[in-house]
């Protein structure tokens, strides 16, 4: 069964990645939300929502069959009835907005020349590169920047003890995010988060209407039939790989884990990317999930929007797809496009 999962924020939201609201975090003074939730957070939210919908089965064996024994693991590709999760994307009514690639910069033209050097026309080094998004069905030819979707919501405060006394080094500033809204109509959010979910059996969220994702962030969840967005992209990718398309590029539609970047570089003529995305995940034993949370080592992922100009398109795509555990929950997804 394939579904489109829509997450509509009920208010501002905060996705911390590796940075969360702890006493230690407040001592760092400033914490800012990422624009997108981690795919591991989406997996955890789904597992909890499915268990909640089914009434929190008492038998551990039944829970394991339903949502798997653990959350994300480098070796695990089975999560009960959850078969795959797509990368999270942006929704505007019926339009799906995906990364256009870092070589799409509005008035700036970035192209790889015959000598394998990057030509930048109209580039301002002081401004750097921006993340642009494009409608997946080309219903809109215009590009949108992150600032067209999101709004910053800074909040300043200080931590106090039980007696109301301000604690040392307790002042902090948190920068929440929210979607832009229709202020002149009904002040509803113009956008929402979405992702595709494939399950091995039919599910519904008739009891569950609200889910929690990130720090102090709640969302209305909706489950509808999927139009096969990433299925269509994958089908096109396979056709282009079969033709051994030589004049094509690869755009990452999600953050991507590559165990050895040196190998990727050897397969590529050029890689245009942003700063790496830090990534950790919880390591928990099922028996002590609520009492002990351990963290994995830190990994660094290539950011969504990264553009790879491959020497051999098959070698590069096989390397991206090799990390099955990541790909199963929505990382390591890409789109092959003409240069």
C-alpha atoms as a PDB file:
ATOM      1  CA  UNK A   1       0.000   0.000   0.000  1.00  0.00           C
ATOM      2  CA  UNK A   2       1.303   3.466  -0.907  1.00  0.00           C
ATOM      3  CA  UNK A   3       0.271   6.674   0.829  1.00  0.00           C
ATOM      4  CA  UNK A   4       0.963  10.375   0.805  1.00  0.00           C
ATOM      5  CA  UNK A   5       1.505  11.569   4.372  1.00  0.00           C
ATOM      6  CA  UNK A   6       0.816  15.268   4.886  1.00  0.00           C
ATOM      7  CA  UNK A   7       2.053  17.091   7.989  1.00  0.00           C
ATOM      8  CA  UNK A   8       0.494  20.480   8.645  1.00  0.00           C
ATOM      9  CA  UNK A   9       2.132  22.426  11.497  1.00  0.00           C
ATOM     10  CA  UNK A  10      -0.254  23.614  14.172  1.00  0.00           C
ATOM     11  CA  UNK A  11       2.121  26.448  15.092  1.00  0.00           C
ATOM     12  CA  UNK A  12       5.829  27.232  14.826  1.00  0.00           C
ATOM     13  CA  UNK A  13       8.198  24.263  14.901  1.00  0.00           C
ATOM     14  CA  UNK A  14      11.761  23.377  15.812  1.00  0.00           C
ATOM     15  CA  UNK A  15      13.828  20.570  14.293  1.00  0.00           C
ATOM     16  CA  UNK A  16      17.037  20.283  16.202  1.00  0.00           C
ATOM     17  CA  UNK A  17      18.982  17.587  14.418  1.00  0.00           C
ATOM     18  CA  UNK A  18      21.765  16.933  16.909  1.00  0.00           C
ATOM     19  CA  UNK A  19      20.845  20.007  18.960  1.00  0.00           C
ATOM     20  CA  UNK A  20      17.943  19.669  21.372  1.00  0.00           C
ATOM     21  CA  UNK A  21      16.439  21.595  24.257  1.00  0.00           C
ATOM     22  CA  UNK A  22      18.617  20.514  27.158  1.00  0.00           C
ATOM     23  CA  UNK A  23      20.309  22.423  29.929  1.00  0.00           C
ATOM     24  CA  UNK A  24      23.586  22.015  28.044  1.00  0.00           C
ATOM     25  CA  UNK A  25      21.978  23.358  24.877  1.00  0.00           C
ATOM     26  CA  UNK A  26      20.795  26.492  26.615  1.00  0.00           C
ATOM     27  CA  UNK A  27      24.337  27.158  27.784  1.00  0.00           C
ATOM     28  CA  UNK A  28      25.308  27.313  24.120  1.00  0.00           C
ATOM     29  CA  UNK A  29      22.965  30.341  24.026  1.00  0.00           C
ATOM     30  CA  UNK A  30      21.796  30.081  20.429  1.00  0.00           C
ATOM     31  CA  UNK A  31      20.006  27.194  18.730  1.00  0.00           C
ATOM     32  CA  UNK A  32      18.312  27.389  15.360  1.00  0.00           C
ATOM     33  CA  UNK A  33      15.885  24.969  13.766  1.00  0.00           C
ATOM     34  CA  UNK A  34      16.711  23.169  10.560  1.00  0.00           C
ATOM     35  CA  UNK A  35      14.197  23.581   7.748  1.00  0.00           C
ATOM     36  CA  UNK A  36      13.374  19.871   7.468  1.00  0.00           C
ATOM     37  CA  UNK A  37      12.969  17.068  10.020  1.00  0.00           C
ATOM     38  CA  UNK A  38      15.407  14.179   9.941  1.00  0.00           C
ATOM     39  CA  UNK A  39      14.137  11.055   8.210  1.00  0.00           C
ATOM     40  CA  UNK A  40      14.882   9.095  11.399  1.00  0.00           C
ATOM     41  CA  UNK A  41      12.453  11.409  13.209  1.00  0.00           C
ATOM     42  CA  UNK A  42       9.775  10.649  10.608  1.00  0.00           C
ATOM     43  CA  UNK A  43      10.351   6.923  11.120  1.00  0.00           C
ATOM     44  CA  UNK A  44      10.029   7.278  14.893  1.00  0.00           C
ATOM     45  CA  UNK A  45       6.878   9.373  14.547  1.00  0.00           C
ATOM     46  CA  UNK A  46       5.308   6.788  12.220  1.00  0.00           C
ATOM     47  CA  UNK A  47       6.167   3.848  14.488  1.00  0.00           C
ATOM     48  CA  UNK A  48       4.605   5.601  17.476  1.00  0.00           C
ATOM     49  CA  UNK A  49       1.500   6.679  15.501  1.00  0.00           C
ATOM     50  CA  UNK A  50       0.879   3.166  14.170  1.00  0.00           C
ATOM     51  CA  UNK A  51       1.237   1.642  17.639  1.00  0.00           C
ATOM     52  CA  UNK A  52      -1.036   4.327  19.070  1.00  0.00           C
ATOM     53  CA  UNK A  53      -3.662   3.716  16.373  1.00  0.00           C
ATOM     54  CA  UNK A  54      -3.596  -0.012  17.146  1.00  0.00           C
ATOM     55  CA  UNK A  55      -3.992   0.583  20.885  1.00  0.00           C
ATOM     56  CA  UNK A  56      -0.387  -0.048  21.949  1.00  0.00           C
ATOM     57  CA  UNK A  57      -0.252  -3.822  21.656  1.00  0.00           C
ATOM     58  CA  UNK A  58       0.888  -5.435  24.883  1.00  0.00           C
ATOM     59  CA  UNK A  59       2.903  -8.287  23.414  1.00  0.00           C
ATOM     60  CA  UNK A  60       6.426  -7.270  22.366  1.00  0.00           C
ATOM     61  CA  UNK A  61       6.303  -9.849  19.574  1.00  0.00           C
ATOM     62  CA  UNK A  62       3.188  -8.209  18.139  1.00  0.00           C
ATOM     63  CA  UNK A  63       4.808  -4.765  18.349  1.00  0.00           C
ATOM     64  CA  UNK A  64       7.899  -6.040  16.564  1.00  0.00           C
ATOM     65  CA  UNK A  65       5.806  -7.474  13.730  1.00  0.00           C
ATOM     66  CA  UNK A  66       3.972  -4.168  13.417  1.00  0.00           C
ATOM     67  CA  UNK A  67       6.795  -1.592  13.601  1.00  0.00           C
ATOM     68  CA  UNK A  68      10.031  -3.555  13.974  1.00  0.00           C
ATOM     69  CA  UNK A  69      12.196  -4.201  17.009  1.00  0.00           C
ATOM     70  CA  UNK A  70      14.128  -0.930  16.867  1.00  0.00           C
ATOM     71  CA  UNK A  71      14.260   2.385  15.074  1.00  0.00           C
ATOM     72  CA  UNK A  72      16.923   3.233  12.525  1.00  0.00           C
ATOM     73  CA  UNK A  73      20.021   1.052  12.465  1.00  0.00           C
ATOM     74  CA  UNK A  74      22.869   0.925   9.942  1.00  0.00           C
ATOM     75  CA  UNK A  75      22.185  -2.750   9.308  1.00  0.00           C
ATOM     76  CA  UNK A  76      18.385  -2.802   9.634  1.00  0.00           C
ATOM     77  CA  UNK A  77      16.140  -2.493   6.604  1.00  0.00           C
ATOM     78  CA  UNK A  78      13.012  -3.959   8.197  1.00  0.00           C
ATOM     79  CA  UNK A  79      10.611  -1.857  10.236  1.00  0.00           C
ATOM     80  CA  UNK A  80       7.562  -4.085  10.529  1.00  0.00           C
ATOM     81  CA  UNK A  81       4.822  -3.109   8.104  1.00  0.00           C
ATOM     82  CA  UNK A  82       6.692   0.090   7.205  1.00  0.00           C
ATOM     83  CA  UNK A  83       8.374  -0.862   3.933  1.00  0.00           C
ATOM     84  CA  UNK A  84       9.838   2.434   2.694  1.00  0.00           C
ATOM     85  CA  UNK A  85       9.680   6.152   3.399  1.00  0.00           C
ATOM     86  CA  UNK A  86      10.446   8.769   0.766  1.00  0.00           C
ATOM     87  CA  UNK A  87      12.431  11.954   1.402  1.00  0.00           C
ATOM     88  CA  UNK A  88      10.372  14.689   3.038  1.00  0.00           C
ATOM     89  CA  UNK A  89       9.332  17.428   0.609  1.00  0.00           C
ATOM     90  CA  UNK A  90       7.274  20.611   0.536  1.00  0.00           C
ATOM     91  CA  UNK A  91       3.587  20.733  -0.416  1.00  0.00           C
ATOM     92  CA  UNK A  92       1.630  23.691  -1.764  1.00  0.00           C
ATOM     93  CA  UNK A  93      -1.931  22.487  -2.288  1.00  0.00           C
ATOM     94  CA  UNK A  94      -1.438  19.818  -4.989  1.00  0.00           C
ATOM     95  CA  UNK A  95       2.057  20.918  -5.996  1.00  0.00           C
ATOM     96  CA  UNK A  96       5.070  18.983  -4.749  1.00  0.00           C
ATOM     97  CA  UNK A  97       8.288  21.003  -4.423  1.00  0.00           C
ATOM     98  CA  UNK A  98      11.615  19.158  -4.673  1.00  0.00           C
ATOM     99  CA  UNK A  99      15.199  20.380  -4.698  1.00  0.00           C
ATOM    100  CA  UNK A 100      16.143  21.944  -8.026  1.00  0.00           C
ATOM    101  CA  UNK A 101      19.849  21.396  -7.398  1.00  0.00           C
ATOM    102  CA  UNK A 102      22.529  23.860  -6.359  1.00  0.00           C
ATOM    103  CA  UNK A 103      23.334  24.595  -9.999  1.00  0.00           C
ATOM    104  CA  UNK A 104      19.908  26.230 -10.368  1.00  0.00           C
ATOM    105  CA  UNK A 105      20.375  29.700  -8.924  1.00  0.00           C
ATOM    106  CA  UNK A 106      17.785  31.883 -10.601  1.00  0.00           C
ATOM    107  CA  UNK A 107      19.724  34.510 -12.568  1.00  0.00           C
ATOM    108  CA  UNK A 108      23.051  32.768 -11.915  1.00  0.00           C
ATOM    109  CA  UNK A 109      24.138  30.236 -14.517  1.00  0.00           C
ATOM    110  CA  UNK A 110      26.362  27.372 -13.355  1.00  0.00           C
ATOM    111  CA  UNK A 111      27.560  24.893 -15.946  1.00  0.00           C
ATOM    112  CA  UNK A 112      30.361  22.382 -16.297  1.00  0.00           C
ATOM    113  CA  UNK A 113      32.539  23.263 -19.273  1.00  0.00           C
ATOM    114  CA  UNK A 114      34.233  20.844 -21.653  1.00  0.00           C
ATOM    115  CA  UNK A 115      37.430  21.242 -19.623  1.00  0.00           C
ATOM    116  CA  UNK A 116      35.552  20.001 -16.527  1.00  0.00           C
ATOM    117  CA  UNK A 117      35.648  23.355 -14.757  1.00  0.00           C
ATOM    118  CA  UNK A 118      32.603  25.125 -13.376  1.00  0.00           C
ATOM    119  CA  UNK A 119      31.548  28.353 -15.048  1.00  0.00           C
ATOM    120  CA  UNK A 120      29.570  30.811 -12.925  1.00  0.00           C
ATOM    121  CA  UNK A 121      27.898  33.732 -14.647  1.00  0.00           C
ATOM    122  CA  UNK A 122      26.465  36.345 -12.290  1.00  0.00           C
ATOM    123  CA  UNK A 123      27.747  34.664  -9.096  1.00  0.00           C
ATOM    124  CA  UNK A 124      28.336  36.804  -5.991  1.00  0.00           C
ATOM    125  CA  UNK A 125      30.722  35.081  -3.576  1.00  0.00           C
ATOM    126  CA  UNK A 126      29.425  37.236  -0.696  1.00  0.00           C
ATOM    127  CA  UNK A 127      25.920  35.833  -1.124  1.00  0.00           C
ATOM    128  CA  UNK A 128      26.957  32.258  -1.837  1.00  0.00           C
ATOM    129  CA  UNK A 129      24.581  29.644  -3.215  1.00  0.00           C
ATOM    130  CA  UNK A 130      20.915  29.267  -2.253  1.00  0.00           C
ATOM    131  CA  UNK A 131      18.662  26.221  -2.087  1.00  0.00           C
ATOM    132  CA  UNK A 132      16.034  26.463  -4.814  1.00  0.00           C
ATOM    133  CA  UNK A 133      13.007  24.207  -5.303  1.00  0.00           C
ATOM    134  CA  UNK A 134      10.975  23.284  -8.363  1.00  0.00           C
ATOM    135  CA  UNK A 135       7.561  21.659  -8.824  1.00  0.00           C
ATOM    136  CA  UNK A 136       7.969  17.918  -9.454  1.00  0.00           C
ATOM    137  CA  UNK A 137       5.323  17.829 -12.207  1.00  0.00           C
ATOM    138  CA  UNK A 138       6.599  21.046 -13.824  1.00  0.00           C
ATOM    139  CA  UNK A 139       3.213  22.663 -13.170  1.00  0.00           C
ATOM    140  CA  UNK A 140       5.209  25.766 -12.333  1.00  0.00           C
ATOM    141  CA  UNK A 141       8.371  26.663 -14.236  1.00  0.00           C
ATOM    142  CA  UNK A 142       9.438  29.189 -11.633  1.00  0.00           C
ATOM    143  CA  UNK A 143      11.935  28.389  -8.904  1.00  0.00           C
ATOM    144  CA  UNK A 144      11.343  29.078  -5.223  1.00  0.00           C
ATOM    145  CA  UNK A 145      13.937  29.708  -2.531  1.00  0.00           C
ATOM    146  CA  UNK A 146      13.706  28.443   1.036  1.00  0.00           C
ATOM    147  CA  UNK A 147      12.763  31.957   2.120  1.00  0.00           C
ATOM    148  CA  UNK A 148       9.662  31.717  -0.089  1.00  0.00           C
ATOM    149  CA  UNK A 149       8.412  28.854   2.103  1.00  0.00           C
ATOM    150  CA  UNK A 150       9.750  29.503   5.601  1.00  0.00           C
ATOM    151  CA  UNK A 151       9.716  32.267   8.157  1.00  0.00           C
ATOM    152  CA  UNK A 152      12.038  32.700  11.160  1.00  0.00           C
ATOM    153  CA  UNK A 153      10.522  32.981  14.647  1.00  0.00           C
ATOM    154  CA  UNK A 154      13.232  33.943  17.179  1.00  0.00           C
ATOM    155  CA  UNK A 155      12.465  33.482  20.874  1.00  0.00           C
ATOM    156  CA  UNK A 156      14.619  34.697  23.747  1.00  0.00           C
ATOM    157  CA  UNK A 157      14.339  33.364  27.314  1.00  0.00           C
ATOM    158  CA  UNK A 158      16.166  32.179  30.380  1.00  0.00           C
ATOM    159  CA  UNK A 159      16.054  29.005  32.418  1.00  0.00           C
ATOM    160  CA  UNK A 160      14.995  29.188  36.063  1.00  0.00           C
ATOM    161  CA  UNK A 161      15.092  26.759  38.926  1.00  0.00           C
ATOM    162  CA  UNK A 162      12.017  25.591  40.893  1.00  0.00           C
ATOM    163  CA  UNK A 163      12.194  28.662  43.126  1.00  0.00           C
ATOM    164  CA  UNK A 164      12.024  30.961  40.125  1.00  0.00           C
ATOM    165  CA  UNK A 165      15.647  32.024  40.376  1.00  0.00           C
ATOM    166  CA  UNK A 166      17.567  32.530  37.152  1.00  0.00           C
ATOM    167  CA  UNK A 167      20.271  29.909  36.719  1.00  0.00           C
ATOM    168  CA  UNK A 168      23.859  30.810  35.796  1.00  0.00           C
ATOM    169  CA  UNK A 169      24.566  30.827  32.052  1.00  0.00           C
ATOM    170  CA  UNK A 170      20.887  30.150  31.451  1.00  0.00           C
ATOM    171  CA  UNK A 171      20.003  32.821  28.901  1.00  0.00           C
ATOM    172  CA  UNK A 172      19.210  31.379  25.494  1.00  0.00           C
ATOM    173  CA  UNK A 173      17.853  32.222  22.084  1.00  0.00           C
ATOM    174  CA  UNK A 174      15.942  29.730  19.943  1.00  0.00           C
ATOM    175  CA  UNK A 175      15.081  30.374  16.328  1.00  0.00           C
ATOM    176  CA  UNK A 176      11.920  28.468  15.454  1.00  0.00           C
ATOM    177  CA  UNK A 177      10.597  28.046  11.906  1.00  0.00           C
ATOM    178  CA  UNK A 178       7.102  28.382  10.516  1.00  0.00           C
ATOM    179  CA  UNK A 179       5.565  28.293   7.061  1.00  0.00           C
ATOM    180  CA  UNK A 180       4.407  31.503   5.441  1.00  0.00           C
ATOM    181  CA  UNK A 181       0.676  32.102   5.731  1.00  0.00           C
ATOM    182  CA  UNK A 182      -2.292  33.556   3.858  1.00  0.00           C
ATOM    183  CA  UNK A 183      -2.625  36.620   6.047  1.00  0.00           C
ATOM    184  CA  UNK A 184      -5.300  38.386   3.969  1.00  0.00           C
ATOM    185  CA  UNK A 185      -7.581  35.348   3.701  1.00  0.00           C
ATOM    186  CA  UNK A 186      -7.754  33.053   6.717  1.00  0.00           C
ATOM    187  CA  UNK A 187      -4.167  33.056   7.984  1.00  0.00           C
ATOM    188  CA  UNK A 188      -3.792  29.376   7.163  1.00  0.00           C
ATOM    189  CA  UNK A 189      -0.373  28.033   6.285  1.00  0.00           C
ATOM    190  CA  UNK A 190       0.411  28.133   2.583  1.00  0.00           C
ATOM    191  CA  UNK A 191       2.584  25.034   2.795  1.00  0.00           C
ATOM    192  CA  UNK A 192       2.991  21.680   4.506  1.00  0.00           C
ATOM    193  CA  UNK A 193       5.502  18.863   4.744  1.00  0.00           C
ATOM    194  CA  UNK A 194       4.852  15.664   2.845  1.00  0.00           C
ATOM    195  CA  UNK A 195       6.412  12.281   2.230  1.00  0.00           C
ATOM    196  CA  UNK A 196       5.397   9.003   0.624  1.00  0.00           C
ATOM    197  CA  UNK A 197       4.947   5.892   2.712  1.00  0.00           C
ATOM    198  CA  UNK A 198       4.806   2.306   1.480  1.00  0.00           C
ATOM    199  CA  UNK A 199       3.483  -0.379   3.823  1.00  0.00           C
ATOM    200  CA  UNK A 200       3.002  -4.120   3.541  1.00  0.00           C
ATOM    201  CA  UNK A 201      -0.598  -3.869   4.743  1.00  0.00           C
ATOM    202  CA  UNK A 202      -3.341  -1.262   4.805  1.00  0.00           C
ATOM    203  CA  UNK A 203      -3.221   1.355   7.569  1.00  0.00           C
ATOM    204  CA  UNK A 204      -5.339   4.314   8.608  1.00  0.00           C
ATOM    205  CA  UNK A 205      -5.125   7.110  11.143  1.00  0.00           C
ATOM    206  CA  UNK A 206      -8.743   7.403  12.241  1.00  0.00           C
ATOM    207  CA  UNK A 207      -7.852   7.903  15.926  1.00  0.00           C
ATOM    208  CA  UNK A 208      -4.581   9.736  15.444  1.00  0.00           C
ATOM    209  CA  UNK A 209      -5.028  13.292  14.165  1.00  0.00           C
ATOM    210  CA  UNK A 210      -2.067  15.003  15.825  1.00  0.00           C
ATOM    211  CA  UNK A 211       1.564  13.866  15.949  1.00  0.00           C
ATOM    212  CA  UNK A 212       4.646  15.362  17.559  1.00  0.00           C
ATOM    213  CA  UNK A 213       7.845  15.904  15.656  1.00  0.00           C
ATOM    214  CA  UNK A 214      10.840  17.865  16.857  1.00  0.00           C
ATOM    215  CA  UNK A 215      11.003  19.965  20.017  1.00  0.00           C
ATOM    216  CA  UNK A 216       7.629  21.303  21.200  1.00  0.00           C
ATOM    217  CA  UNK A 217       6.234  20.904  17.678  1.00  0.00           C
ATOM    218  CA  UNK A 218       2.869  19.358  16.790  1.00  0.00           C
ATOM    219  CA  UNK A 219       1.395  18.590  13.377  1.00  0.00           C
ATOM    220  CA  UNK A 220      -1.936  17.533  11.954  1.00  0.00           C
ATOM    221  CA  UNK A 221      -1.382  14.296  10.040  1.00  0.00           C
ATOM    222  CA  UNK A 222      -3.350  13.224   6.971  1.00  0.00           C
ATOM    223  CA  UNK A 223      -3.110   9.955   5.045  1.00  0.00           C
ATOM    224  CA  UNK A 224      -4.228   9.864   1.389  1.00  0.00           C
ATOM    225  CA  UNK A 225      -3.472   7.640  -1.641  1.00  0.00           C
ATOM    226  CA  UNK A 226      -0.092   8.339  -3.223  1.00  0.00           C
ATOM    227  CA  UNK A 227       0.352   9.517  -6.808  1.00  0.00           C
ATOM    228  CA  UNK A 228       3.678   7.697  -7.006  1.00  0.00           C
ATOM    229  CA  UNK A 229       5.926  10.773  -7.109  1.00  0.00           C
ATOM    230  CA  UNK A 230       9.169   8.982  -6.341  1.00  0.00           C
ATOM    231  CA  UNK A 231       8.082   5.880  -8.239  1.00  0.00           C
ATOM    232  CA  UNK A 232       7.890   8.036 -11.379  1.00  0.00           C
ATOM    233  CA  UNK A 233      11.285   9.603 -10.656  1.00  0.00           C
ATOM    234  CA  UNK A 234      12.836   6.178 -10.080  1.00  0.00           C
ATOM    235  CA  UNK A 235      11.342   4.831 -13.311  1.00  0.00           C
ATOM    236  CA  UNK A 236      12.832   7.739 -15.281  1.00  0.00           C
ATOM    237  CA  UNK A 237      16.184   7.244 -13.558  1.00  0.00           C
ATOM    238  CA  UNK A 238      16.262   3.581 -14.612  1.00  0.00           C
ATOM    239  CA  UNK A 239      15.481   4.464 -18.232  1.00  0.00           C
ATOM    240  CA  UNK A 240      18.279   7.025 -18.378  1.00  0.00           C
ATOM    241  CA  UNK A 241      20.760   4.645 -16.755  1.00  0.00           C
ATOM    242  CA  UNK A 242      19.836   1.956 -19.282  1.00  0.00           C
ATOM    243  CA  UNK A 243      20.636   4.394 -22.089  1.00  0.00           C
ATOM    244  CA  UNK A 244      23.973   5.152 -20.372  1.00  0.00           C
ATOM    245  CA  UNK A 245      23.215   8.851 -20.650  1.00  0.00           C
ATOM    246  CA  UNK A 246      26.600  10.573 -20.805  1.00  0.00           C
ATOM    247  CA  UNK A 247      25.520  14.210 -20.788  1.00  0.00           C
ATOM    248  CA  UNK A 248      23.511  14.040 -17.578  1.00  0.00           C
ATOM    249  CA  UNK A 249      23.878  15.110 -13.968  1.00  0.00           C
ATOM    250  CA  UNK A 250      22.609  13.689 -10.677  1.00  0.00           C
ATOM    251  CA  UNK A 251      20.674  15.904  -8.229  1.00  0.00           C
ATOM    252  CA  UNK A 252      20.273  14.671  -4.648  1.00  0.00           C
ATOM    253  CA  UNK A 253      16.632  14.967  -3.544  1.00  0.00           C
ATOM    254  CA  UNK A 254      17.575  14.139   0.054  1.00  0.00           C
ATOM    255  CA  UNK A 255      20.613  14.174   2.286  1.00  0.00           C
ATOM    256  CA  UNK A 256      22.879  11.305   1.305  1.00  0.00           C
ATOM    257  CA  UNK A 257      25.277   9.001   3.167  1.00  0.00           C
ATOM    258  CA  UNK A 258      28.387   7.956   1.239  1.00  0.00           C
ATOM    259  CA  UNK A 259      30.816   5.835   3.309  1.00  0.00           C
ATOM    260  CA  UNK A 260      33.857   6.888   1.264  1.00  0.00           C
ATOM    261  CA  UNK A 261      33.676  10.276  -0.460  1.00  0.00           C
ATOM    262  CA  UNK A 262      37.013   9.562  -2.117  1.00  0.00           C
ATOM    263  CA  UNK A 263      35.382   6.806  -4.169  1.00  0.00           C
ATOM    264  CA  UNK A 264      32.544   9.136  -5.189  1.00  0.00           C
ATOM    265  CA  UNK A 265      35.060  11.790  -6.271  1.00  0.00           C
ATOM    266  CA  UNK A 266      36.945   9.251  -8.370  1.00  0.00           C
ATOM    267  CA  UNK A 267      33.688   8.416 -10.197  1.00  0.00           C
ATOM    268  CA  UNK A 268      32.801  12.081 -10.757  1.00  0.00           C
ATOM    269  CA  UNK A 269      34.037  14.937 -12.903  1.00  0.00           C
ATOM    270  CA  UNK A 270      32.701  17.528 -10.491  1.00  0.00           C
ATOM    271  CA  UNK A 271      30.576  17.714  -7.324  1.00  0.00           C
ATOM    272  CA  UNK A 272      28.750  20.895  -6.357  1.00  0.00           C
ATOM    273  CA  UNK A 273      27.636  20.674  -2.737  1.00  0.00           C
ATOM    274  CA  UNK A 274      26.913  22.710   0.389  1.00  0.00           C
ATOM    275  CA  UNK A 275      28.346  22.171   3.863  1.00  0.00           C
ATOM    276  CA  UNK A 276      27.903  18.567   5.087  1.00  0.00           C
ATOM    277  CA  UNK A 277      24.892  17.695   7.242  1.00  0.00           C
ATOM    278  CA  UNK A 278      25.792  16.254  10.689  1.00  0.00           C
ATOM    279  CA  UNK A 279      23.845  13.089  11.473  1.00  0.00           C
ATOM    280  CA  UNK A 280      23.436  10.922  14.574  1.00  0.00           C
ATOM    281  CA  UNK A 281      20.770   8.442  15.586  1.00  0.00           C
ATOM    282  CA  UNK A 282      19.587   6.868  18.832  1.00  0.00           C
ATOM    283  CA  UNK A 283      20.825   3.409  19.746  1.00  0.00           C
ATOM    284  CA  UNK A 284      18.332   1.761  22.081  1.00  0.00           C
ATOM    285  CA  UNK A 285      17.614  -1.651  23.432  1.00  0.00           C
ATOM    286  CA  UNK A 286      13.929  -2.413  23.324  1.00  0.00           C
ATOM    287  CA  UNK A 287      13.855  -3.367  27.015  1.00  0.00           C
ATOM    288  CA  UNK A 288      15.296  -0.084  28.280  1.00  0.00           C
ATOM    289  CA  UNK A 289      14.027   2.360  25.652  1.00  0.00           C
ATOM    290  CA  UNK A 290      12.515   4.757  28.177  1.00  0.00           C
ATOM    291  CA  UNK A 291      15.421   4.685  30.624  1.00  0.00           C
ATOM    292  CA  UNK A 292      18.553   4.661  28.475  1.00  0.00           C
ATOM    293  CA  UNK A 293      19.239   6.455  25.202  1.00  0.00           C
ATOM    294  CA  UNK A 294      22.649   6.125  23.592  1.00  0.00           C
ATOM    295  CA  UNK A 295      23.791   8.073  20.541  1.00  0.00           C
ATOM    296  CA  UNK A 296      25.663   6.766  17.537  1.00  0.00           C
ATOM    297  CA  UNK A 297      28.900   8.171  16.205  1.00  0.00           C
ATOM    298  CA  UNK A 298      28.507  11.316  14.143  1.00  0.00           C
ATOM    299  CA  UNK A 299      28.266  10.940  10.379  1.00  0.00           C
ATOM    300  CA  UNK A 300      28.375  13.633   7.730  1.00  0.00           C
ATOM    301  CA  UNK A 301      25.894  13.480   4.865  1.00  0.00           C
ATOM    302  CA  UNK A 302      25.943  15.225   1.520  1.00  0.00           C
ATOM    303  CA  UNK A 303      23.172  17.819   1.604  1.00  0.00           C
ATOM    304  CA  UNK A 304      20.029  17.735  -0.502  1.00  0.00           C
ATOM    305  CA  UNK A 305      20.536  19.808  -3.639  1.00  0.00           C
ATOM    306  CA  UNK A 306      24.055  18.472  -4.202  1.00  0.00           C
ATOM    307  CA  UNK A 307      24.774  18.085  -7.924  1.00  0.00           C
ATOM    308  CA  UNK A 308      27.096  15.358  -9.186  1.00  0.00           C
ATOM    309  CA  UNK A 309      28.511  15.357 -12.712  1.00  0.00           C
ATOM    310  CA  UNK A 310      29.414  11.660 -13.153  1.00  0.00           C
ATOM    311  CA  UNK A 311      32.134  10.132 -15.289  1.00  0.00           C
ATOM    312  CA  UNK A 312      30.129   6.904 -15.216  1.00  0.00           C
ATOM    313  CA  UNK A 313      26.505   7.318 -14.221  1.00  0.00           C
ATOM    314  CA  UNK A 314      26.068   3.656 -13.255  1.00  0.00           C
ATOM    315  CA  UNK A 315      29.011   3.635 -10.852  1.00  0.00           C
ATOM    316  CA  UNK A 316      27.808   6.779  -9.083  1.00  0.00           C
ATOM    317  CA  UNK A 317      24.175   5.681  -8.749  1.00  0.00           C
ATOM    318  CA  UNK A 318      25.185   2.225  -7.495  1.00  0.00           C
ATOM    319  CA  UNK A 319      27.328   3.896  -4.839  1.00  0.00           C
ATOM    320  CA  UNK A 320      24.394   6.084  -3.740  1.00  0.00           C
ATOM    321  CA  UNK A 321      22.003   3.128  -3.621  1.00  0.00           C
ATOM    322  CA  UNK A 322      24.419   0.853  -1.749  1.00  0.00           C
ATOM    323  CA  UNK A 323      23.456   2.277   1.673  1.00  0.00           C
ATOM    324  CA  UNK A 324      20.172   0.367   1.823  1.00  0.00           C
ATOM    325  CA  UNK A 325      19.314   1.202   5.447  1.00  0.00           C
ATOM    326  CA  UNK A 326      19.539   4.923   4.685  1.00  0.00           C
ATOM    327  CA  UNK A 327      17.666   4.655   1.400  1.00  0.00           C
ATOM    328  CA  UNK A 328      14.814   2.673   2.983  1.00  0.00           C
ATOM    329  CA  UNK A 329      13.893   5.569   5.290  1.00  0.00           C
ATOM    330  CA  UNK A 330      14.269   8.367   2.745  1.00  0.00           C
ATOM    331  CA  UNK A 331      17.942   9.228   2.482  1.00  0.00           C
ATOM    332  CA  UNK A 332      20.100   8.642  -0.636  1.00  0.00           C
ATOM    333  CA  UNK A 333      17.433   9.550  -3.188  1.00  0.00           C
ATOM    334  CA  UNK A 334      18.358  11.288  -6.412  1.00  0.00           C
ATOM    335  CA  UNK A 335      17.112  12.399  -9.806  1.00  0.00           C
ATOM    336  CA  UNK A 336      19.005  12.126 -13.109  1.00  0.00           C
ATOM    337  CA  UNK A 337      18.630  15.242 -15.253  1.00  0.00           C
ATOM    338  CA  UNK A 338      20.055  16.651 -18.462  1.00  0.00           C
ATOM    339  CA  UNK A 339      22.909  19.093 -17.897  1.00  0.00           C
END
